């Protein structure tokens, strides 16, 4: 086991240093990922003009961040999870616009702070959880894509096959892991959700696939085919619909809220065999 671990570690390190390593072998294939699909429990209205980058449930709110320069914003809407399906308020309780030169990305809540990534602007924004007002900015190397919070750290994606672990207070990097499936790295990891069972869910950019990942090893435990959600979207808005992006677990349940960029619907789903 030690020899296998050292070998895999050396390959992962080399892969991280070489561009285009998404298809490189990183580890011996293990048990194949579980194959899951989405079971739609409810369909909620969603702003068809939202270029969704991050989605998170915190307390009694549904937080959402969007992208594009000059169009990026962060909002909080009241959410009642005591019923099935959940009840989402039609209007924002709080909404803030990003500076016109910033391209908003993923978000997560850590204590009384909302962390918000930017795409290629080299900064992460620390915001007040109650007002969503900006407190400070922290420099970040590379691109920012997805973000989620575990009990003791943050998990960040940058469009590659790596997940980066960060301090929830300083945003300093603590470590990395390469995500792999069937012995090969999986790139284009986008919006993230740190689930209550300790796993990390990730949208895969330009696909209708969601992965469930073991963050300790990087192994893909399950792959979820969410393509059926497109058949549930209103046909009159089909031309504007972009990629699947946005996933948030409803706390204390096995239910998730899932949407996409410019999607007119937000789906409440379970992931089932």
C-alpha atoms as a PDB file:
ATOM      1  CA  UNK A   1       0.000   0.000   0.000  1.00  0.00           C
ATOM      2  CA  UNK A   2       2.829   2.408   0.789  1.00  0.00           C
ATOM      3  CA  UNK A   3       4.432   1.766  -2.598  1.00  0.00           C
ATOM      4  CA  UNK A   4       1.109   2.384  -4.370  1.00  0.00           C
ATOM      5  CA  UNK A   5       0.509   5.572  -2.362  1.00  0.00           C
ATOM      6  CA  UNK A   6       3.969   6.957  -3.150  1.00  0.00           C
ATOM      7  CA  UNK A   7       3.624   6.099  -6.813  1.00  0.00           C
ATOM      8  CA  UNK A   8       0.224   7.788  -7.047  1.00  0.00           C
ATOM      9  CA  UNK A   9       1.524  10.835  -5.171  1.00  0.00           C
ATOM     10  CA  UNK A  10       4.421  11.273  -7.589  1.00  0.00           C
ATOM     11  CA  UNK A  11       2.109  11.025 -10.589  1.00  0.00           C
ATOM     12  CA  UNK A  12      -0.351  13.507  -9.060  1.00  0.00           C
ATOM     13  CA  UNK A  13       2.444  15.993  -8.393  1.00  0.00           C
ATOM     14  CA  UNK A  14       3.769  15.680 -11.920  1.00  0.00           C
ATOM     15  CA  UNK A  15       0.278  15.982 -13.372  1.00  0.00           C
ATOM     16  CA  UNK A  16      -0.372  19.191 -11.441  1.00  0.00           C
ATOM     17  CA  UNK A  17       2.716  20.735 -13.014  1.00  0.00           C
ATOM     18  CA  UNK A  18       1.846  19.823 -16.602  1.00  0.00           C
ATOM     19  CA  UNK A  19      -0.906  21.516 -18.592  1.00  0.00           C
ATOM     20  CA  UNK A  20      -3.578  19.303 -20.094  1.00  0.00           C
ATOM     21  CA  UNK A  21      -3.167  16.434 -17.643  1.00  0.00           C
ATOM     22  CA  UNK A  22      -6.899  15.693 -17.489  1.00  0.00           C
ATOM     23  CA  UNK A  23      -6.524  12.387 -19.324  1.00  0.00           C
ATOM     24  CA  UNK A  24      -3.355  11.203 -17.600  1.00  0.00           C
ATOM     25  CA  UNK A  25      -3.454   8.104 -15.452  1.00  0.00           C
ATOM     26  CA  UNK A  26      -3.223   9.038 -11.762  1.00  0.00           C
ATOM     27  CA  UNK A  27      -3.998   5.872  -9.832  1.00  0.00           C
ATOM     28  CA  UNK A  28      -4.919   2.237 -10.190  1.00  0.00           C
ATOM     29  CA  UNK A  29      -8.627   1.955 -11.031  1.00  0.00           C
ATOM     30  CA  UNK A  30     -10.703   0.891  -8.057  1.00  0.00           C
ATOM     31  CA  UNK A  31     -14.375   0.114  -7.708  1.00  0.00           C
ATOM     32  CA  UNK A  32     -16.306   1.827 -10.535  1.00  0.00           C
ATOM     33  CA  UNK A  33     -18.451   4.829  -9.568  1.00  0.00           C
ATOM     34  CA  UNK A  34     -22.062   4.275  -8.626  1.00  0.00           C
ATOM     35  CA  UNK A  35     -24.441   5.303 -11.418  1.00  0.00           C
ATOM     36  CA  UNK A  36     -27.228   7.632 -10.277  1.00  0.00           C
ATOM     37  CA  UNK A  37     -29.944   9.773 -11.841  1.00  0.00           C
ATOM     38  CA  UNK A  38     -32.086  12.691 -10.662  1.00  0.00           C
ATOM     39  CA  UNK A  39     -35.570  12.202  -9.252  1.00  0.00           C
ATOM     40  CA  UNK A  40     -37.463  15.494  -9.530  1.00  0.00           C
ATOM     41  CA  UNK A  41     -39.572  16.254  -6.456  1.00  0.00           C
ATOM     42  CA  UNK A  42     -40.522  19.828  -7.316  1.00  0.00           C
ATOM     43  CA  UNK A  43     -39.866  22.612  -9.777  1.00  0.00           C
ATOM     44  CA  UNK A  44     -39.372  26.149  -8.474  1.00  0.00           C
ATOM     45  CA  UNK A  45     -39.204  29.394 -10.491  1.00  0.00           C
ATOM     46  CA  UNK A  46     -35.691  30.695 -11.224  1.00  0.00           C
ATOM     47  CA  UNK A  47     -34.506  33.957 -12.775  1.00  0.00           C
ATOM     48  CA  UNK A  48     -33.813  33.121 -16.465  1.00  0.00           C
ATOM     49  CA  UNK A  49     -31.393  36.042 -16.580  1.00  0.00           C
ATOM     50  CA  UNK A  50     -29.179  34.599 -13.831  1.00  0.00           C
ATOM     51  CA  UNK A  51     -25.808  33.325 -15.036  1.00  0.00           C
ATOM     52  CA  UNK A  52     -25.632  31.069 -11.987  1.00  0.00           C
ATOM     53  CA  UNK A  53     -22.198  30.401 -10.517  1.00  0.00           C
ATOM     54  CA  UNK A  54     -22.873  29.407  -6.907  1.00  0.00           C
ATOM     55  CA  UNK A  55     -25.823  28.105  -4.911  1.00  0.00           C
ATOM     56  CA  UNK A  56     -25.989  27.476  -1.167  1.00  0.00           C
ATOM     57  CA  UNK A  57     -28.567  26.929   1.551  1.00  0.00           C
ATOM     58  CA  UNK A  58     -27.675  28.558   4.868  1.00  0.00           C
ATOM     59  CA  UNK A  59     -30.076  28.912   7.773  1.00  0.00           C
ATOM     60  CA  UNK A  60     -33.341  30.175   6.375  1.00  0.00           C
ATOM     61  CA  UNK A  61     -31.866  31.533   3.154  1.00  0.00           C
ATOM     62  CA  UNK A  62     -31.013  30.375  -0.344  1.00  0.00           C
ATOM     63  CA  UNK A  63     -27.878  32.214  -1.478  1.00  0.00           C
ATOM     64  CA  UNK A  64     -27.017  32.549  -5.158  1.00  0.00           C
ATOM     65  CA  UNK A  65     -24.143  34.179  -7.001  1.00  0.00           C
ATOM     66  CA  UNK A  66     -23.939  35.000 -10.703  1.00  0.00           C
ATOM     67  CA  UNK A  67     -21.213  35.866 -13.162  1.00  0.00           C
ATOM     68  CA  UNK A  68     -20.284  38.020 -16.166  1.00  0.00           C
ATOM     69  CA  UNK A  69     -18.590  41.415 -15.910  1.00  0.00           C
ATOM     70  CA  UNK A  70     -21.055  44.165 -15.176  1.00  0.00           C
ATOM     71  CA  UNK A  71     -23.814  41.633 -14.431  1.00  0.00           C
ATOM     72  CA  UNK A  72     -22.545  39.772 -11.368  1.00  0.00           C
ATOM     73  CA  UNK A  73     -24.551  39.814  -8.150  1.00  0.00           C
ATOM     74  CA  UNK A  74     -25.074  37.931  -4.911  1.00  0.00           C
ATOM     75  CA  UNK A  75     -28.487  37.458  -3.328  1.00  0.00           C
ATOM     76  CA  UNK A  76     -30.220  35.826  -0.369  1.00  0.00           C
ATOM     77  CA  UNK A  77     -33.850  34.655  -0.588  1.00  0.00           C
ATOM     78  CA  UNK A  78     -35.922  33.320   2.305  1.00  0.00           C
ATOM     79  CA  UNK A  79     -36.224  29.528   2.179  1.00  0.00           C
ATOM     80  CA  UNK A  80     -38.526  27.326   4.250  1.00  0.00           C
ATOM     81  CA  UNK A  81     -37.186  23.757   4.323  1.00  0.00           C
ATOM     82  CA  UNK A  82     -39.711  22.456   6.866  1.00  0.00           C
ATOM     83  CA  UNK A  83     -42.024  21.293   4.101  1.00  0.00           C
ATOM     84  CA  UNK A  84     -41.628  18.950   1.134  1.00  0.00           C
ATOM     85  CA  UNK A  85     -41.231  20.525  -1.286  1.00  0.00           C
ATOM     86  CA  UNK A  86     -39.400  23.499   0.173  1.00  0.00           C
ATOM     87  CA  UNK A  87     -40.904  26.973  -0.110  1.00  0.00           C
ATOM     88  CA  UNK A  88     -38.687  29.598  -1.750  1.00  0.00           C
ATOM     89  CA  UNK A  89     -39.659  33.259  -1.563  1.00  0.00           C
ATOM     90  CA  UNK A  90     -40.197  34.875  -4.972  1.00  0.00           C
ATOM     91  CA  UNK A  91     -38.153  37.968  -4.117  1.00  0.00           C
ATOM     92  CA  UNK A  92     -34.664  38.530  -2.741  1.00  0.00           C
ATOM     93  CA  UNK A  93     -34.329  39.518   0.899  1.00  0.00           C
ATOM     94  CA  UNK A  94     -30.886  40.973   0.215  1.00  0.00           C
ATOM     95  CA  UNK A  95     -28.997  41.559  -3.017  1.00  0.00           C
ATOM     96  CA  UNK A  96     -25.666  43.213  -3.776  1.00  0.00           C
ATOM     97  CA  UNK A  97     -23.995  43.977  -7.088  1.00  0.00           C
ATOM     98  CA  UNK A  98     -20.315  43.299  -7.719  1.00  0.00           C
ATOM     99  CA  UNK A  99     -18.021  45.986  -9.110  1.00  0.00           C
ATOM    100  CA  UNK A 100     -18.495  46.203 -12.864  1.00  0.00           C
ATOM    101  CA  UNK A 101     -15.011  44.872 -13.585  1.00  0.00           C
ATOM    102  CA  UNK A 102     -15.472  41.696 -11.501  1.00  0.00           C
ATOM    103  CA  UNK A 103     -16.742  38.343 -12.778  1.00  0.00           C
ATOM    104  CA  UNK A 104     -18.465  36.569  -9.897  1.00  0.00           C
ATOM    105  CA  UNK A 105     -18.079  32.837  -9.280  1.00  0.00           C
ATOM    106  CA  UNK A 106     -18.768  30.304  -6.513  1.00  0.00           C
ATOM    107  CA  UNK A 107     -19.809  31.115  -2.942  1.00  0.00           C
ATOM    108  CA  UNK A 108     -19.938  29.472   0.455  1.00  0.00           C
ATOM    109  CA  UNK A 109     -20.705  30.397   4.060  1.00  0.00           C
ATOM    110  CA  UNK A 110     -18.127  29.964   6.828  1.00  0.00           C
ATOM    111  CA  UNK A 111     -19.385  31.232  10.174  1.00  0.00           C
ATOM    112  CA  UNK A 112     -20.421  34.856   9.779  1.00  0.00           C
ATOM    113  CA  UNK A 113     -18.600  35.206   6.447  1.00  0.00           C
ATOM    114  CA  UNK A 114     -19.732  34.600   2.898  1.00  0.00           C
ATOM    115  CA  UNK A 115     -16.733  33.874   0.680  1.00  0.00           C
ATOM    116  CA  UNK A 116     -17.215  34.697  -2.995  1.00  0.00           C
ATOM    117  CA  UNK A 117     -14.776  33.795  -5.747  1.00  0.00           C
ATOM    118  CA  UNK A 118     -14.064  35.759  -8.892  1.00  0.00           C
ATOM    119  CA  UNK A 119     -13.115  34.058 -12.131  1.00  0.00           C
ATOM    120  CA  UNK A 120      -9.884  35.628 -13.441  1.00  0.00           C
ATOM    121  CA  UNK A 121      -9.697  38.746 -11.257  1.00  0.00           C
ATOM    122  CA  UNK A 122      -7.243  37.259  -8.755  1.00  0.00           C
ATOM    123  CA  UNK A 123      -9.332  37.969  -5.644  1.00  0.00           C
ATOM    124  CA  UNK A 124     -11.812  36.318  -3.302  1.00  0.00           C
ATOM    125  CA  UNK A 125     -14.323  38.536  -1.513  1.00  0.00           C
ATOM    126  CA  UNK A 126     -15.122  38.117   2.180  1.00  0.00           C
ATOM    127  CA  UNK A 127     -18.650  39.378   2.878  1.00  0.00           C
ATOM    128  CA  UNK A 128     -20.830  39.906   5.912  1.00  0.00           C
ATOM    129  CA  UNK A 129     -23.318  37.044   6.157  1.00  0.00           C
ATOM    130  CA  UNK A 130     -26.240  39.247   7.228  1.00  0.00           C
ATOM    131  CA  UNK A 131     -25.849  42.215   4.886  1.00  0.00           C
ATOM    132  CA  UNK A 132     -23.742  40.549   2.136  1.00  0.00           C
ATOM    133  CA  UNK A 133     -21.622  43.704   2.218  1.00  0.00           C
ATOM    134  CA  UNK A 134     -17.962  43.361   1.300  1.00  0.00           C
ATOM    135  CA  UNK A 135     -15.506  43.307   4.213  1.00  0.00           C
ATOM    136  CA  UNK A 136     -12.181  42.639   2.505  1.00  0.00           C
ATOM    137  CA  UNK A 137     -10.450  41.042  -0.457  1.00  0.00           C
ATOM    138  CA  UNK A 138      -7.835  38.294  -0.510  1.00  0.00           C
ATOM    139  CA  UNK A 139      -5.479  37.607  -3.403  1.00  0.00           C
ATOM    140  CA  UNK A 140      -5.898  34.244  -5.159  1.00  0.00           C
ATOM    141  CA  UNK A 141      -3.550  32.746  -7.735  1.00  0.00           C
ATOM    142  CA  UNK A 142      -5.199  31.270 -10.816  1.00  0.00           C
ATOM    143  CA  UNK A 143      -8.889  31.072 -11.592  1.00  0.00           C
ATOM    144  CA  UNK A 144     -11.830  30.746  -9.207  1.00  0.00           C
ATOM    145  CA  UNK A 145     -14.729  28.435 -10.111  1.00  0.00           C
ATOM    146  CA  UNK A 146     -16.553  26.594  -7.304  1.00  0.00           C
ATOM    147  CA  UNK A 147     -16.448  26.822  -3.504  1.00  0.00           C
ATOM    148  CA  UNK A 148     -17.949  24.995  -0.529  1.00  0.00           C
ATOM    149  CA  UNK A 149     -17.330  24.722   3.202  1.00  0.00           C
ATOM    150  CA  UNK A 150     -16.619  21.732   5.436  1.00  0.00           C
ATOM    151  CA  UNK A 151     -16.389  21.834   9.221  1.00  0.00           C
ATOM    152  CA  UNK A 152     -12.731  22.885   9.261  1.00  0.00           C
ATOM    153  CA  UNK A 153     -11.831  24.137   5.808  1.00  0.00           C
ATOM    154  CA  UNK A 154     -13.071  25.383   2.445  1.00  0.00           C
ATOM    155  CA  UNK A 155     -12.901  23.391  -0.790  1.00  0.00           C
ATOM    156  CA  UNK A 156     -12.281  25.246  -4.044  1.00  0.00           C
ATOM    157  CA  UNK A 157     -12.238  24.295  -7.732  1.00  0.00           C
ATOM    158  CA  UNK A 158     -10.453  26.160 -10.517  1.00  0.00           C
ATOM    159  CA  UNK A 159     -11.631  24.326 -13.632  1.00  0.00           C
ATOM    160  CA  UNK A 160      -8.860  21.757 -13.448  1.00  0.00           C
ATOM    161  CA  UNK A 161      -8.950  18.261 -11.942  1.00  0.00           C
ATOM    162  CA  UNK A 162      -7.740  19.561  -8.568  1.00  0.00           C
ATOM    163  CA  UNK A 163      -9.627  20.545  -5.446  1.00  0.00           C
ATOM    164  CA  UNK A 164      -7.806  23.012  -3.191  1.00  0.00           C
ATOM    165  CA  UNK A 165      -8.371  23.134   0.563  1.00  0.00           C
ATOM    166  CA  UNK A 166      -8.285  26.596   2.168  1.00  0.00           C
ATOM    167  CA  UNK A 167      -8.398  28.147   5.611  1.00  0.00           C
ATOM    168  CA  UNK A 168     -11.939  29.456   6.280  1.00  0.00           C
ATOM    169  CA  UNK A 169     -10.619  32.629   7.961  1.00  0.00           C
ATOM    170  CA  UNK A 170      -7.517  33.609   5.957  1.00  0.00           C
ATOM    171  CA  UNK A 171      -8.278  31.762   2.703  1.00  0.00           C
ATOM    172  CA  UNK A 172      -4.695  30.463   2.713  1.00  0.00           C
ATOM    173  CA  UNK A 173      -4.124  27.211   0.854  1.00  0.00           C
ATOM    174  CA  UNK A 174      -3.770  24.107   3.031  1.00  0.00           C
ATOM    175  CA  UNK A 175      -3.467  21.335   0.466  1.00  0.00           C
ATOM    176  CA  UNK A 176      -4.763  19.785  -2.742  1.00  0.00           C
ATOM    177  CA  UNK A 177      -6.152  16.561  -4.117  1.00  0.00           C
ATOM    178  CA  UNK A 178      -6.592  15.392  -7.706  1.00  0.00           C
ATOM    179  CA  UNK A 179     -10.046  14.067  -8.562  1.00  0.00           C
ATOM    180  CA  UNK A 180      -9.931  10.790 -10.468  1.00  0.00           C
ATOM    181  CA  UNK A 181     -12.311   8.272 -11.975  1.00  0.00           C
ATOM    182  CA  UNK A 182     -11.289   4.848 -13.268  1.00  0.00           C
ATOM    183  CA  UNK A 183      -7.654   5.780 -12.728  1.00  0.00           C
ATOM    184  CA  UNK A 184      -7.761   9.030 -14.706  1.00  0.00           C
ATOM    185  CA  UNK A 185      -8.039  12.635 -13.606  1.00  0.00           C
ATOM    186  CA  UNK A 186     -11.336  14.436 -14.187  1.00  0.00           C
ATOM    187  CA  UNK A 187     -11.064  18.100 -15.163  1.00  0.00           C
ATOM    188  CA  UNK A 188     -13.559  20.966 -15.631  1.00  0.00           C
ATOM    189  CA  UNK A 189     -14.732  20.699 -12.014  1.00  0.00           C
ATOM    190  CA  UNK A 190     -17.052  23.646 -11.463  1.00  0.00           C
ATOM    191  CA  UNK A 191     -19.674  24.498  -8.805  1.00  0.00           C
ATOM    192  CA  UNK A 192     -19.217  22.561  -5.556  1.00  0.00           C
ATOM    193  CA  UNK A 193     -21.362  21.441  -2.638  1.00  0.00           C
ATOM    194  CA  UNK A 194     -19.872  20.054   0.581  1.00  0.00           C
ATOM    195  CA  UNK A 195     -22.527  17.558   1.665  1.00  0.00           C
ATOM    196  CA  UNK A 196     -23.366  16.629   5.230  1.00  0.00           C
ATOM    197  CA  UNK A 197     -21.973  13.105   4.770  1.00  0.00           C
ATOM    198  CA  UNK A 198     -18.475  14.513   4.143  1.00  0.00           C
ATOM    199  CA  UNK A 199     -18.451  14.070   0.377  1.00  0.00           C
ATOM    200  CA  UNK A 200     -18.132  16.855  -2.201  1.00  0.00           C
ATOM    201  CA  UNK A 201     -20.509  17.173  -5.143  1.00  0.00           C
ATOM    202  CA  UNK A 202     -19.201  18.882  -8.281  1.00  0.00           C
ATOM    203  CA  UNK A 203     -20.793  20.030 -11.504  1.00  0.00           C
ATOM    204  CA  UNK A 204     -18.654  19.130 -14.520  1.00  0.00           C
ATOM    205  CA  UNK A 205     -18.585  22.093 -16.891  1.00  0.00           C
ATOM    206  CA  UNK A 206     -20.228  21.680 -20.314  1.00  0.00           C
ATOM    207  CA  UNK A 207     -21.900  18.439 -19.232  1.00  0.00           C
ATOM    208  CA  UNK A 208     -25.107  17.354 -17.507  1.00  0.00           C
ATOM    209  CA  UNK A 209     -23.070  15.332 -15.031  1.00  0.00           C
ATOM    210  CA  UNK A 210     -22.617  15.784 -11.292  1.00  0.00           C
ATOM    211  CA  UNK A 211     -19.896  13.884  -9.431  1.00  0.00           C
ATOM    212  CA  UNK A 212     -19.833  12.766  -5.804  1.00  0.00           C
ATOM    213  CA  UNK A 213     -16.213  12.858  -4.637  1.00  0.00           C
ATOM    214  CA  UNK A 214     -14.332  11.560  -1.615  1.00  0.00           C
ATOM    215  CA  UNK A 215     -12.246  14.659  -0.735  1.00  0.00           C
ATOM    216  CA  UNK A 216      -9.719  12.591   1.237  1.00  0.00           C
ATOM    217  CA  UNK A 217      -8.644  10.572  -1.802  1.00  0.00           C
ATOM    218  CA  UNK A 218     -10.100  12.420  -4.775  1.00  0.00           C
ATOM    219  CA  UNK A 219     -11.911   9.270  -5.938  1.00  0.00           C
ATOM    220  CA  UNK A 220     -15.220   9.722  -7.742  1.00  0.00           C
ATOM    221  CA  UNK A 221     -17.674   7.624  -5.746  1.00  0.00           C
ATOM    222  CA  UNK A 222     -20.723   8.289  -7.911  1.00  0.00           C
ATOM    223  CA  UNK A 223     -21.671   9.996 -11.140  1.00  0.00           C
ATOM    224  CA  UNK A 224     -25.124  11.474 -11.538  1.00  0.00           C
ATOM    225  CA  UNK A 225     -26.787  11.868 -14.914  1.00  0.00           C
ATOM    226  CA  UNK A 226     -28.866  15.050 -14.701  1.00  0.00           C
ATOM    227  CA  UNK A 227     -29.686  15.303 -18.409  1.00  0.00           C
ATOM    228  CA  UNK A 228     -33.356  14.589 -17.724  1.00  0.00           C
ATOM    229  CA  UNK A 229     -33.689  18.017 -16.116  1.00  0.00           C
ATOM    230  CA  UNK A 230     -33.457  19.662 -19.529  1.00  0.00           C
ATOM    231  CA  UNK A 231     -36.662  17.899 -20.575  1.00  0.00           C
ATOM    232  CA  UNK A 232     -38.404  19.577 -17.624  1.00  0.00           C
ATOM    233  CA  UNK A 233     -37.438  23.121 -18.689  1.00  0.00           C
ATOM    234  CA  UNK A 234     -40.024  25.347 -20.382  1.00  0.00           C
ATOM    235  CA  UNK A 235     -39.597  24.989 -24.130  1.00  0.00           C
ATOM    236  CA  UNK A 236     -40.081  28.706 -24.803  1.00  0.00           C
ATOM    237  CA  UNK A 237     -36.806  29.456 -23.015  1.00  0.00           C
ATOM    238  CA  UNK A 238     -34.821  26.597 -24.548  1.00  0.00           C
ATOM    239  CA  UNK A 239     -32.705  28.855 -26.752  1.00  0.00           C
ATOM    240  CA  UNK A 240     -31.271  30.817 -23.825  1.00  0.00           C
ATOM    241  CA  UNK A 241     -30.538  27.863 -21.539  1.00  0.00           C
ATOM    242  CA  UNK A 242     -26.822  27.327 -20.859  1.00  0.00           C
ATOM    243  CA  UNK A 243     -24.957  24.675 -18.860  1.00  0.00           C
ATOM    244  CA  UNK A 244     -25.992  22.905 -15.675  1.00  0.00           C
ATOM    245  CA  UNK A 245     -24.457  24.764 -12.729  1.00  0.00           C
ATOM    246  CA  UNK A 246     -25.557  25.230  -9.140  1.00  0.00           C
ATOM    247  CA  UNK A 247     -26.089  22.567  -6.501  1.00  0.00           C
ATOM    248  CA  UNK A 248     -27.062  22.940  -2.837  1.00  0.00           C
ATOM    249  CA  UNK A 249     -28.091  20.323  -0.290  1.00  0.00           C
ATOM    250  CA  UNK A 250     -31.175  21.021   1.798  1.00  0.00           C
ATOM    251  CA  UNK A 251     -29.782  20.555   5.334  1.00  0.00           C
ATOM    252  CA  UNK A 252     -30.884  17.481   7.237  1.00  0.00           C
ATOM    253  CA  UNK A 253     -32.315  15.791   4.138  1.00  0.00           C
ATOM    254  CA  UNK A 254     -31.261  13.798   1.086  1.00  0.00           C
ATOM    255  CA  UNK A 255     -32.698  16.510  -1.156  1.00  0.00           C
ATOM    256  CA  UNK A 256     -30.768  18.989  -3.311  1.00  0.00           C
ATOM    257  CA  UNK A 257     -31.581  22.166  -5.212  1.00  0.00           C
ATOM    258  CA  UNK A 258     -30.114  22.134  -8.726  1.00  0.00           C
ATOM    259  CA  UNK A 259     -30.197  24.677 -11.548  1.00  0.00           C
ATOM    260  CA  UNK A 260     -28.099  26.086 -14.389  1.00  0.00           C
ATOM    261  CA  UNK A 261     -26.976  29.245 -16.132  1.00  0.00           C
ATOM    262  CA  UNK A 262     -30.000  31.077 -17.574  1.00  0.00           C
ATOM    263  CA  UNK A 263     -32.295  28.271 -16.441  1.00  0.00           C
ATOM    264  CA  UNK A 264     -35.899  29.402 -15.794  1.00  0.00           C
ATOM    265  CA  UNK A 265     -36.343  26.610 -13.245  1.00  0.00           C
ATOM    266  CA  UNK A 266     -34.693  25.464 -10.037  1.00  0.00           C
ATOM    267  CA  UNK A 267     -35.261  21.772  -9.328  1.00  0.00           C
ATOM    268  CA  UNK A 268     -35.646  20.046  -5.972  1.00  0.00           C
ATOM    269  CA  UNK A 269     -34.275  16.548  -6.484  1.00  0.00           C
ATOM    270  CA  UNK A 270     -32.970  13.342  -4.983  1.00  0.00           C
ATOM    271  CA  UNK A 271     -30.128  11.322  -6.452  1.00  0.00           C
ATOM    272  CA  UNK A 272     -31.311   7.737  -6.926  1.00  0.00           C
ATOM    273  CA  UNK A 273     -30.060   4.541  -8.643  1.00  0.00           C
END
